[in-house]
Amino acid sequence: MIYTDKGLLITCELDGRINMVHYSKFESGETVTNGKLFVELFNQESIGKVLDFIVEIKKRSASFGWELFLKPEFSLEPYYFGGVLIDDSITILASKNKVDFNKFLSGIAQMNNEQINKIRALEKVQTGPEESKIDKSSYLFDEISRLNNELVNTQRELTKKNIELAELNTLKNQFLGMAAHDLRNPLGFIYNFVEFIEEERENLSQEQIEFIGQIKSLSKFLLNLVTDLLDVSSIEAGEINLILEQIDLIYFIDQNVKRNRFLAQKKNITINFTTNCENLMMQIDKNKIEQVMTNLITNAIKFSQANTIINVGLKLDETNVIISVTDQGQGIDKEELNLLFKPFKKTSTKSTAGEKSTGLGLFIVKRIVEAHNGKIWAESELTKGSTFIVSLPIHI
């Protein structure tokens, strides 16, 4: 849009009253004047949409691409509107042509203080004869055009930087994967050696047994962390490759529950598995779903008090199998539920026996479930326990 085009450029107060007309030209010859309410420019049918337009600008600081119908005395055809919120006023641009408002409005919204002051200075120019108004409007559009060109160049630079950042992120993931891979083997040896020494506990003092217990616990934690980092680096690189095979999911989960009961017994926690199905053949990646179930059950154990119950359930709806893990633990603050599936994010809920967490497990679980075209979410209430629910399509 240039100053010879049909269109409108105005500034309004927050209540929608026009306090400055920078440019006003319609095919009918009518012009807009100061002091009117912005909504007064439109036909009755468009007023609701006009109010939505103003609300959207106030809410998001900028909005564009609105097709609105002015009163017949201005035009019988629609005009396209965009606007931006700057401090205590709203600047609105309209054109008869469907122009791209993105650059104009995002440009104004992202102006630095120097640029904003230039626009303010233009707004404060005293009005004069009609020819002088056109000259001032021309200058205003030239200034907007210049700012737009600057923003286009800035956008190109940002695109270039984003490409460079993506390349660096790929290198970071590769380095992380290599480092974790090189650390996993020696950590595994340390853990195995400590287990071997622990078996000779009759030859050790009580203090030595405690030291070895600490080494075992820490090496186990580091081994789990390195394994999780390897999984994360693969996920970030988009390399979740599923090896699908036909298995009986009921039997598979039952066996997983039995393996985790040994860990639960240390805290005198009971794990029950209930289902209304006798068998359910599904195509899944057995190792990865094993990882999902183990993470959910061990988390339930970790955050539950002794002498409580964990219920694992499985049921079917029309198209999905629903797996749930419910504990009687401390629960999670509802405001923190959105942190659960993000990497390295932890809630304020603490483990009940000092068990450590990498903060990566649920992030990995979510990605595995999504790779199976499924969904996972949590429901919880403080002091009343938590339920983690996995929904997998029966036919992946």
Protein backbone atom coordinates (compact mmCIF):
# COMPACT_ATOMS: atom_id res chain seq x y z
CA MET A 1 0.00 0.00 0.00
CA ILE A 2 1.30 3.50 -0.90
CA TYR A 3 -0.22 6.84 -0.16
CA THR A 4 -2.03 7.05 -3.50
CA ASP A 5 -3.89 3.79 -2.84
CA LYS A 6 -7.39 3.58 -1.45
CA GLY A 7 -7.03 2.96 2.25
CA LEU A 8 -6.78 4.16 5.81
CA LEU A 9 -4.10 4.68 8.44
CA ILE A 10 -5.31 5.91 11.82
CA THR A 11 -4.40 5.91 15.50
CA CYS A 12 -7.07 5.21 18.12
CA GLU A 13 -7.26 5.49 21.87
CA LEU A 14 -7.72 2.23 23.78
CA ASP A 15 -11.47 2.82 23.93
CA GLY A 16 -11.54 2.86 20.12
CA ARG A 17 -11.91 6.61 19.61
CA ILE A 18 -9.91 7.94 16.64
CA ASN A 19 -7.41 10.59 17.72
CA MET A 20 -5.22 10.85 14.61
CA VAL A 21 -5.97 10.29 10.92
CA HIS A 22 -2.68 9.82 9.08
CA TYR A 23 -4.26 8.89 5.77
CA SER A 24 -7.85 8.49 4.55
CA LYS A 25 -8.89 7.91 0.96
CA PHE A 26 -11.89 5.96 -0.36
CA GLU A 27 -13.36 5.54 -3.83
CA SER A 28 -16.46 7.42 -2.70
CA GLY A 29 -14.41 10.50 -1.84
CA GLU A 30 -15.47 10.34 1.84
CA THR A 31 -12.75 10.69 4.50
CA VAL A 32 -12.47 9.74 8.16
CA THR A 33 -12.17 12.47 10.78
CA ASN A 34 -10.83 12.63 14.32
CA GLY A 35 -13.09 12.08 17.29
CA LYS A 36 -15.24 9.30 15.84
CA LEU A 37 -15.42 5.86 17.39
CA PHE A 38 -13.71 3.32 15.15
CA VAL A 39 -16.80 1.07 15.13
CA GLU A 40 -18.88 3.96 13.73
CA LEU A 41 -17.10 3.51 10.39
CA PHE A 42 -18.69 0.08 9.78
CA ASN A 43 -22.08 -1.27 8.75
CA GLN A 44 -24.30 -2.81 11.42
CA GLU A 45 -23.53 -6.42 10.44
CA SER A 46 -19.77 -5.94 10.87
CA ILE A 47 -19.75 -4.30 14.31
CA GLY A 48 -19.40 -7.56 16.24
CA LYS A 49 -16.44 -8.60 14.11
CA VAL A 50 -14.90 -5.11 14.46
CA LEU A 51 -15.08 -5.38 18.25
CA ASP A 52 -13.42 -8.80 18.06
CA PHE A 53 -10.67 -7.22 15.95
CA ILE A 54 -9.99 -4.55 18.61
CA VAL A 55 -10.05 -7.11 21.43
CA GLU A 56 -7.61 -9.32 19.52
CA ILE A 57 -5.16 -6.41 19.11
CA LYS A 58 -5.32 -5.60 22.83
CA LYS A 59 -4.90 -9.26 23.73
CA ARG A 60 -2.04 -10.16 21.36
CA SER A 61 -0.51 -6.71 20.72
CA ALA A 62 -1.05 -7.19 16.96
CA SER A 63 -3.59 -8.71 14.59
CA PHE A 64 -4.01 -8.68 10.82
CA GLY A 65 -5.89 -10.07 7.83
CA TRP A 66 -9.38 -8.99 8.94
CA GLU A 67 -11.92 -8.56 6.11
CA LEU A 68 -14.42 -5.91 7.24
CA PHE A 69 -17.23 -3.96 5.54
CA LEU A 70 -17.33 -0.20 6.03
CA LYS A 71 -20.50 1.88 5.81
CA PRO A 72 -21.81 2.32 2.23
CA GLU A 73 -20.80 5.99 2.19
CA PHE A 74 -17.15 4.87 2.38
CA SER A 75 -17.19 1.74 0.23
CA LEU A 76 -19.44 -1.07 -0.93
CA GLU A 77 -16.51 -3.49 -1.09
CA PRO A 78 -14.62 -5.06 1.83
CA TYR A 79 -11.37 -3.61 3.12
CA TYR A 80 -8.58 -5.58 4.79
CA PHE A 81 -7.51 -4.43 8.23
CA GLY A 82 -4.52 -4.92 10.49
CA GLY A 83 -3.58 -3.26 13.75
CA VAL A 84 -0.92 -3.05 16.42
CA LEU A 85 -0.86 -1.92 20.04
CA ILE A 86 1.85 0.63 20.88
CA ASP A 87 1.82 1.82 24.49
CA ASP A 88 -1.49 3.68 25.02
CA SER A 89 -2.78 3.65 21.45
CA ILE A 90 -3.78 1.35 18.60
CA THR A 91 -2.47 1.97 15.08
CA ILE A 92 -4.75 0.56 12.37
CA LEU A 93 -4.01 0.10 8.68
CA ALA A 94 -6.63 -0.73 6.03
CA SER A 95 -6.29 -1.41 2.31
CA LYS A 96 -8.72 -2.22 -0.45
CA ASN A 97 -6.24 -4.84 -1.65
CA LYS A 98 -5.51 -7.99 0.31
CA VAL A 99 -1.91 -7.12 1.15
CA ASP A 100 0.43 -9.03 3.41
CA PHE A 101 0.08 -7.40 6.83
CA ASN A 102 2.60 -9.74 8.46
CA LYS A 103 5.66 -7.64 7.76
CA PHE A 104 4.00 -4.31 8.50
CA LEU A 105 2.38 -5.26 11.80
CA SER A 106 5.13 -7.52 13.15
CA GLY A 107 7.53 -4.76 12.18
CA ILE A 108 5.70 -2.14 14.22
CA ALA A 109 5.23 -4.60 17.11
CA GLN A 110 8.96 -5.33 17.22
CA MET A 111 10.25 -1.80 16.68
CA ASN A 112 12.99 -0.66 18.98
CA ASN A 113 12.49 2.50 21.02
CA GLU A 114 14.16 4.70 18.42
CA GLN A 115 11.75 3.53 15.72
CA ILE A 116 8.70 3.90 17.96
CA ASN A 117 9.74 7.47 18.78
CA LYS A 118 9.91 8.26 15.06
CA ILE A 119 6.33 7.12 14.59
CA ARG A 120 5.26 9.10 17.66
CA ALA A 121 6.99 12.19 16.24
CA LEU A 122 5.08 11.75 13.00
CA GLU A 123 1.81 11.46 14.94
CA LYS A 124 2.52 14.80 16.69
CA VAL A 125 2.97 16.76 13.43
CA GLN A 126 0.37 19.55 13.33
CA THR A 127 -2.26 19.13 10.65
CA GLY A 128 -2.41 21.75 7.92
CA PRO A 129 -3.94 22.16 4.49
CA GLU A 130 -5.04 19.06 2.61
CA GLU A 131 -1.92 19.01 0.42
CA SER A 132 0.27 19.17 3.54
CA LYS A 133 -1.62 16.17 4.98
CA ILE A 134 -0.88 14.15 1.86
CA ASP A 135 2.80 15.08 2.07
CA LYS A 136 2.93 14.01 5.70
CA SER A 137 1.12 10.76 4.89
CA SER A 138 3.54 10.09 2.06
CA TYR A 139 6.44 10.59 4.46
CA LEU A 140 4.80 8.30 6.98
CA PHE A 141 4.38 5.49 4.44
CA ASP A 142 7.96 5.97 3.23
CA GLU A 143 9.13 5.59 6.82
CA ILE A 144 7.05 2.44 7.26
CA SER A 145 8.45 1.06 4.01
CA ARG A 146 12.00 1.70 5.20
CA LEU A 147 11.32 -0.02 8.50
CA ASN A 148 9.74 -2.91 6.64
CA ASN A 149 12.88 -3.35 4.51
CA GLU A 150 15.00 -3.35 7.64
CA LEU A 151 12.79 -6.03 9.14
CA VAL A 152 13.00 -8.17 5.98
CA ASN A 153 16.79 -8.04 6.21
CA THR A 154 16.62 -8.89 9.89
CA GLN A 155 14.33 -11.82 9.11
CA ARG A 156 16.84 -13.14 6.58
CA GLU A 157 19.58 -12.94 9.18
CA LEU A 158 17.40 -14.74 11.70
CA THR A 159 16.66 -17.49 9.17
CA LYS A 160 20.39 -17.90 8.57
CA LYS A 161 21.07 -18.04 12.32
CA ASN A 162 18.28 -20.60 12.80
CA ILE A 163 19.87 -22.84 10.18
CA GLU A 164 23.23 -22.51 11.93
CA LEU A 165 21.61 -23.30 15.30
CA ALA A 166 19.92 -26.38 13.84
CA GLU A 167 23.30 -27.60 12.56
CA LEU A 168 24.89 -26.96 15.96
CA ASN A 169 22.03 -28.80 17.67
CA THR A 170 22.65 -31.81 15.42
CA LEU A 171 26.36 -31.74 16.30
CA LYS A 172 25.43 -31.46 19.99
CA ASN A 173 23.22 -34.55 19.76
CA GLN A 174 25.95 -36.48 17.96
CA PHE A 175 28.51 -35.50 20.60
CA LEU A 176 26.10 -36.34 23.42
CA GLY A 177 25.43 -39.74 21.89
CA MET A 178 29.12 -40.54 21.45
CA ALA A 179 30.03 -39.37 24.95
CA ALA A 180 27.20 -41.35 26.56
CA HIS A 181 28.08 -44.44 24.54
CA ASP A 182 31.74 -44.25 25.61
CA LEU A 183 30.74 -43.81 29.27
CA ARG A 184 28.19 -46.60 29.43
CA ASN A 185 30.61 -49.54 29.19
CA PRO A 186 33.05 -48.44 31.95
CA LEU A 187 30.13 -47.54 34.22
CA GLY A 188 28.65 -50.97 33.59
CA PHE A 189 31.95 -52.59 34.56
CA ILE A 190 32.11 -50.52 37.77
CA TYR A 191 28.60 -51.58 38.71
CA ASN A 192 29.32 -55.27 38.01
CA PHE A 193 32.59 -55.18 39.96
CA VAL A 194 30.86 -53.61 42.95
CA GLU A 195 28.19 -56.32 42.86
CA PHE A 196 30.96 -58.93 42.82
CA ILE A 197 32.71 -57.35 45.81
CA GLU A 198 29.38 -57.06 47.64
CA GLU A 199 28.94 -60.83 47.44
CA GLU A 200 32.08 -61.18 49.62
CA ARG A 201 30.53 -59.13 52.40
CA GLU A 202 31.60 -61.61 55.12
CA ASN A 203 35.18 -60.42 54.53
CA LEU A 204 34.23 -56.75 54.81
CA SER A 205 33.71 -54.45 57.77
CA GLN A 206 30.38 -52.71 58.26
CA GLU A 207 31.90 -49.41 57.15
CA GLN A 208 33.25 -51.00 53.96
CA ILE A 209 29.83 -52.54 53.22
CA GLU A 210 28.24 -49.08 53.55
CA PHE A 211 30.86 -47.53 51.24
CA ILE A 212 30.30 -50.24 48.65
CA GLY A 213 26.54 -49.72 48.91
CA GLN A 214 27.04 -46.02 48.15
CA ILE A 215 29.30 -46.79 45.17
CA LYS A 216 26.75 -49.27 43.84
CA SER A 217 23.89 -46.80 44.20
CA LEU A 218 25.78 -43.95 42.52
CA SER A 219 27.14 -46.10 39.68
CA LYS A 220 23.63 -47.43 39.06
CA PHE A 221 22.28 -43.87 38.91
CA LEU A 222 25.05 -42.80 36.50
CA LEU A 223 24.47 -45.85 34.34
CA ASN A 224 20.76 -45.04 34.14
CA LEU A 225 21.55 -41.39 33.36
CA VAL A 226 23.92 -42.33 30.53
CA THR A 227 21.35 -44.76 29.11
CA ASP A 228 18.69 -42.04 29.25
CA LEU A 229 21.04 -39.55 27.55
CA LEU A 230 21.60 -42.05 24.74
CA ASP A 231 17.84 -42.40 24.34
CA VAL A 232 17.37 -38.60 24.35
CA SER A 233 20.10 -38.05 21.74
CA SER A 234 18.41 -40.63 19.50
CA ILE A 235 15.00 -39.02 20.04
CA GLU A 236 16.34 -35.52 19.28
CA ALA A 237 17.89 -36.87 16.10
CA GLY A 238 14.51 -38.37 15.13
CA GLU A 239 15.80 -41.92 15.37
CA ILE A 240 13.10 -43.84 17.24
CA ASN A 241 13.09 -46.97 15.11
CA LEU A 242 10.40 -49.41 16.20
CA ILE A 243 10.93 -53.15 15.82
CA LEU A 244 7.34 -54.31 15.81
CA GLU A 245 6.38 -57.87 16.63
CA GLN A 246 3.13 -59.67 17.44
CA ILE A 247 2.86 -60.35 21.17
CA ASP A 248 0.19 -61.06 23.77
CA LEU A 249 0.06 -57.69 25.56
CA ILE A 250 -1.79 -59.15 28.58
CA TYR A 251 0.90 -61.75 29.23
CA PHE A 252 3.63 -59.19 28.50
CA ILE A 253 2.39 -56.67 31.10
CA ASP A 254 1.74 -59.42 33.65
CA GLN A 255 5.38 -60.51 33.36
CA ASN A 256 6.58 -56.91 33.71
CA VAL A 257 4.52 -56.49 36.89
CA LYS A 258 6.00 -59.67 38.33
CA ARG A 259 9.56 -58.44 37.65
CA ASN A 260 8.86 -55.13 39.40
CA ARG A 261 7.31 -56.78 42.48
CA PHE A 262 10.79 -57.58 43.77
CA LEU A 263 11.61 -53.86 43.93
CA ALA A 264 8.23 -53.10 45.49
CA GLN A 265 8.74 -55.68 48.23
CA LYS A 266 11.63 -53.62 49.64
CA LYS A 267 9.04 -51.00 50.63
CA ASN A 268 6.32 -53.57 51.36
CA ILE A 269 4.28 -52.23 48.43
CA THR A 270 1.76 -54.52 46.71
CA ILE A 271 1.33 -54.40 42.91
CA ASN A 272 -1.92 -55.71 41.43
CA PHE A 273 -2.68 -56.24 37.74
CA THR A 274 -6.31 -56.40 36.60
CA THR A 275 -7.84 -56.67 33.14
CA ASN A 276 -11.12 -57.72 31.58
CA CYS A 277 -9.31 -59.41 28.67
CA GLU A 278 -7.91 -62.93 28.53
CA ASN A 279 -5.43 -62.19 25.78
CA LEU A 280 -4.72 -59.36 23.35
CA MET A 281 -2.41 -59.81 20.38
CA MET A 282 -0.80 -56.53 19.28
CA GLN A 283 2.05 -55.29 17.13
CA ILE A 284 4.43 -53.36 19.40
CA ASP A 285 8.13 -52.83 19.99
CA LYS A 286 8.52 -55.16 22.96
CA ASN A 287 11.70 -53.62 24.38
CA LYS A 288 10.42 -50.06 24.19
CA ILE A 289 7.01 -50.82 25.74
CA GLU A 290 8.90 -52.75 28.44
CA GLN A 291 10.79 -49.51 29.06
CA VAL A 292 7.50 -47.59 29.30
CA MET A 293 5.91 -50.00 31.78
CA THR A 294 9.04 -50.30 33.92
CA ASN A 295 9.39 -46.52 34.14
CA LEU A 296 5.75 -45.98 35.14
CA ILE A 297 5.75 -48.76 37.75
CA THR A 298 9.14 -47.89 39.27
CA ASN A 299 8.08 -44.24 39.47
CA ALA A 300 4.94 -45.32 41.33
CA ILE A 301 7.12 -47.30 43.73
CA LYS A 302 9.58 -44.45 44.10
CA PHE A 303 6.96 -41.87 45.12
CA SER A 304 4.77 -44.15 47.27
CA GLN A 305 5.00 -44.70 50.99
CA ALA A 306 5.60 -48.19 52.39
CA ASN A 307 2.61 -50.50 52.92
CA THR A 308 0.56 -49.07 50.04
CA ILE A 309 -0.90 -50.54 46.83
CA ILE A 310 -0.15 -49.92 43.16
CA ASN A 311 -2.85 -50.95 40.67
CA VAL A 312 -1.96 -51.68 37.05
CA GLY A 313 -5.00 -51.93 34.79
CA LEU A 314 -5.72 -52.72 31.16
CA LYS A 315 -9.02 -52.29 29.31
CA LEU A 316 -10.26 -51.83 25.76
CA ASP A 317 -12.44 -49.25 24.12
CA GLU A 318 -13.55 -49.36 20.47
CA THR A 319 -10.14 -48.59 18.95
CA ASN A 320 -7.60 -48.36 21.77
CA VAL A 321 -6.07 -50.31 24.61
CA ILE A 322 -5.91 -48.23 27.80
CA ILE A 323 -3.14 -49.05 30.30
CA SER A 324 -3.14 -47.32 33.69
CA VAL A 325 -0.75 -47.27 36.65
CA THR A 326 -2.33 -45.91 39.83
CA ASP A 327 -0.54 -45.39 43.14
CA GLN A 328 -1.56 -44.25 46.61
CA GLY A 329 1.37 -41.87 46.84
CA GLN A 330 1.78 -38.20 47.59
CA GLY A 331 0.20 -36.95 44.41
CA ILE A 332 1.32 -34.06 42.21
CA ASP A 333 0.28 -30.41 42.33
CA LYS A 334 -2.06 -29.77 39.37
CA GLU A 335 -0.01 -26.71 38.41
CA GLU A 336 3.03 -28.96 37.99
CA LEU A 337 1.44 -31.67 35.83
CA ASN A 338 2.64 -29.90 32.68
CA LEU A 339 6.28 -30.44 33.81
CA LEU A 340 6.03 -34.22 33.88
CA PHE A 341 6.90 -35.05 30.28
CA LYS A 342 9.55 -32.38 29.71
CA PRO A 343 13.29 -33.22 29.84
CA PHE A 344 15.13 -32.42 33.10
CA LYS A 345 11.96 -31.00 34.66
CA LYS A 346 10.99 -32.24 38.11
CA THR A 347 7.99 -31.58 40.31
CA SER A 348 8.17 -30.69 43.98
CA THR A 349 7.06 -34.23 44.91
CA LYS A 350 9.99 -36.08 46.49
CA SER A 351 10.76 -39.80 46.46
CA THR A 352 9.91 -41.48 49.76
CA ALA A 353 13.17 -43.40 50.30
CA GLY A 354 15.76 -41.08 48.76
CA GLU A 355 15.59 -42.71 45.30
CA LYS A 356 17.29 -40.62 42.61
CA SER A 357 15.79 -39.50 39.31
CA THR A 358 17.41 -38.25 36.09
CA GLY A 359 14.39 -36.19 35.06
CA LEU A 360 14.42 -37.83 31.63
CA GLY A 361 12.35 -40.98 32.07
CA LEU A 362 8.88 -39.61 31.36
CA PHE A 363 10.16 -37.53 28.43
CA ILE A 364 11.49 -40.73 26.85
CA VAL A 365 8.30 -42.64 27.71
CA LYS A 366 6.16 -39.98 26.00
CA ARG A 367 8.24 -40.16 22.82
CA ILE A 368 8.04 -43.98 22.75
CA VAL A 369 4.26 -43.91 23.20
CA GLU A 370 3.89 -41.27 20.47
CA ALA A 371 6.09 -43.36 18.15
CA HIS A 372 3.41 -46.08 18.58
CA ASN A 373 0.77 -43.45 17.58
CA GLY A 374 -0.44 -43.40 21.19
CA LYS A 375 -0.98 -40.84 23.92
CA ILE A 376 0.07 -40.58 27.57
CA TRP A 377 -1.17 -38.28 30.32
CA ALA A 378 -1.35 -38.03 34.09
CA GLU A 379 -4.16 -37.39 36.56
CA SER A 380 -3.28 -36.54 40.13
CA GLU A 381 -4.34 -34.84 43.32
CA LEU A 382 -2.11 -33.96 46.26
CA THR A 383 -2.19 -36.54 49.08
CA LYS A 384 -4.47 -38.80 46.99
CA GLY A 385 -2.03 -40.42 44.59
CA SER A 386 -1.50 -40.34 40.84
CA THR A 387 -2.60 -42.24 37.74
CA PHE A 388 -0.56 -42.41 34.55
CA ILE A 389 -2.57 -43.48 31.52
CA VAL A 390 -1.28 -44.81 28.19
CA SER A 391 -3.61 -45.13 25.21
CA LEU A 392 -2.35 -47.23 22.29
CA PRO A 393 -4.27 -47.90 19.08
CA ILE A 394 -5.03 -51.59 18.71
CA HIS A 395 -3.93 -51.40 15.08
CA ILE A 396 -0.80 -49.24 14.92
